Amino acid sequence: MTSYSLDELETVLRRELTAAVQVIDPSDTALTAIRRRILDQAQARRWQWWLLKPCGTPAAYRRHLRHGEKACVPCRNAEAQRAASARRKGTAP
């Protein structure tokens, strides 16, 4: 296996990210209204993965389960509250 220096890895990462993330100017007249709408919808759904919900939320509880961990007490309490609320409202948990 080839070993790379940090500078080489950073260069490749910057090049690949620049190629992967293409910024489109929405004022470009070549874009039709439908293309602008599709682009807006896609950008609205983009998830910022580095912004994780803190412990004590139902999302953090699900993250514990996804990672195969035992959920912490604040997360279990938050999930219990969410499930109880869903039962009271009559929706499926």
Protein backbone atom coordinates (compact mmCIF):
# COMPACT_ATOMS: atom_id res chain seq x y z
CA MET A 1 0.00 0.00 0.00
CA THR A 2 1.34 3.41 -0.94
CA SER A 3 1.78 5.94 1.81
CA TYR A 4 1.05 9.58 1.07
CA SER A 5 2.13 12.70 2.88
CA LEU A 6 -0.46 14.94 4.45
CA ASP A 7 0.22 17.63 1.85
CA GLU A 8 -0.44 15.18 -0.99
CA LEU A 9 -3.66 13.99 0.63
CA GLU A 10 -4.81 17.55 1.22
CA THR A 11 -4.11 18.46 -2.41
CA VAL A 12 -6.08 15.49 -3.71
CA LEU A 13 -8.93 16.13 -1.29
CA ARG A 14 -9.22 19.78 -2.30
CA ARG A 15 -9.15 18.88 -6.00
CA GLU A 16 -11.80 16.18 -5.64
CA LEU A 17 -14.08 18.30 -3.44
CA THR A 18 -13.85 21.20 -5.87
CA ALA A 19 -14.83 18.89 -8.70
CA ALA A 20 -17.68 17.32 -6.70
CA VAL A 21 -19.22 20.56 -5.45
CA GLN A 22 -20.19 22.65 -8.42
CA VAL A 23 -21.68 26.02 -7.60
CA ILE A 24 -24.30 27.12 -10.08
CA ASP A 25 -25.25 30.76 -10.30
CA PRO A 26 -29.07 30.88 -10.00
CA SER A 27 -29.16 34.13 -11.99
CA ASP A 28 -27.75 32.34 -15.03
CA THR A 29 -30.28 32.89 -17.82
CA ALA A 30 -29.47 29.52 -19.39
CA LEU A 31 -31.19 27.75 -16.49
CA THR A 32 -34.85 27.21 -17.02
CA ALA A 33 -37.37 27.68 -14.23
CA ILE A 34 -37.70 23.94 -13.73
CA ARG A 35 -33.94 23.49 -13.40
CA ARG A 36 -33.79 26.34 -10.87
CA ARG A 37 -36.58 24.72 -8.85
CA ILE A 38 -34.85 21.32 -8.89
CA LEU A 39 -31.57 22.92 -7.82
CA ASP A 40 -33.27 24.81 -4.97
CA GLN A 41 -34.97 21.66 -3.74
CA ALA A 42 -31.72 19.68 -3.84
CA GLN A 43 -29.84 22.37 -1.92
CA ALA A 44 -32.64 22.63 0.65
CA ARG A 45 -32.32 18.89 1.40
CA ARG A 46 -28.54 18.99 1.78
CA TRP A 47 -27.68 17.65 5.23
CA GLN A 48 -24.86 19.18 7.22
CA TRP A 49 -23.54 15.92 8.67
CA TRP A 50 -21.15 17.67 11.03
CA LEU A 51 -24.07 19.24 12.95
CA LEU A 52 -25.12 16.32 15.13
CA LYS A 53 -27.96 16.61 17.60
CA PRO A 54 -26.70 16.52 21.19
CA CYS A 55 -27.47 13.72 23.63
CA GLY A 56 -30.90 14.04 25.16
CA THR A 57 -32.77 14.11 21.84
CA PRO A 58 -34.60 11.37 19.93
CA ALA A 59 -32.16 11.85 17.03
CA ALA A 60 -29.21 11.16 19.32
CA TYR A 61 -31.01 8.08 20.67
CA ARG A 62 -31.35 6.72 17.11
CA ARG A 63 -27.69 7.54 16.46
CA HIS A 64 -26.69 5.45 19.51
CA LEU A 65 -28.70 2.53 18.12
CA ARG A 66 -27.27 2.92 14.60
CA HIS A 67 -23.76 2.75 16.03
CA GLY A 68 -24.58 -0.36 18.05
CA GLU A 69 -24.16 1.50 21.36
CA LYS A 70 -26.28 1.40 24.47
CA ALA A 71 -28.19 4.68 24.62
CA CYS A 72 -27.30 7.05 27.45
CA VAL A 73 -29.90 7.98 30.10
CA PRO A 74 -30.77 11.44 28.63
CA CYS A 75 -31.30 9.88 25.20
CA ARG A 76 -33.46 7.07 26.60
CA ASN A 77 -35.57 9.64 28.47
CA ALA A 78 -35.98 11.75 25.32
CA GLU A 79 -37.05 8.70 23.31
CA ALA A 80 -39.50 7.67 26.06
CA GLN A 81 -41.05 11.15 25.97
CA ARG A 82 -41.28 11.06 22.17
CA ALA A 83 -42.89 7.61 22.21
CA ALA A 84 -45.36 8.61 24.95
CA SER A 85 -46.32 11.72 22.99
CA ALA A 86 -46.81 9.66 19.84
CA ARG A 87 -49.01 7.18 21.73
CA ARG A 88 -51.13 10.02 23.15
CA LYS A 89 -51.55 11.52 19.70
CA GLY A 90 -52.43 8.14 18.23
CA THR A 91 -49.61 8.02 15.67
CA ALA A 92 -47.25 5.15 15.12
CA PRO A 93 -43.90 5.64 16.96
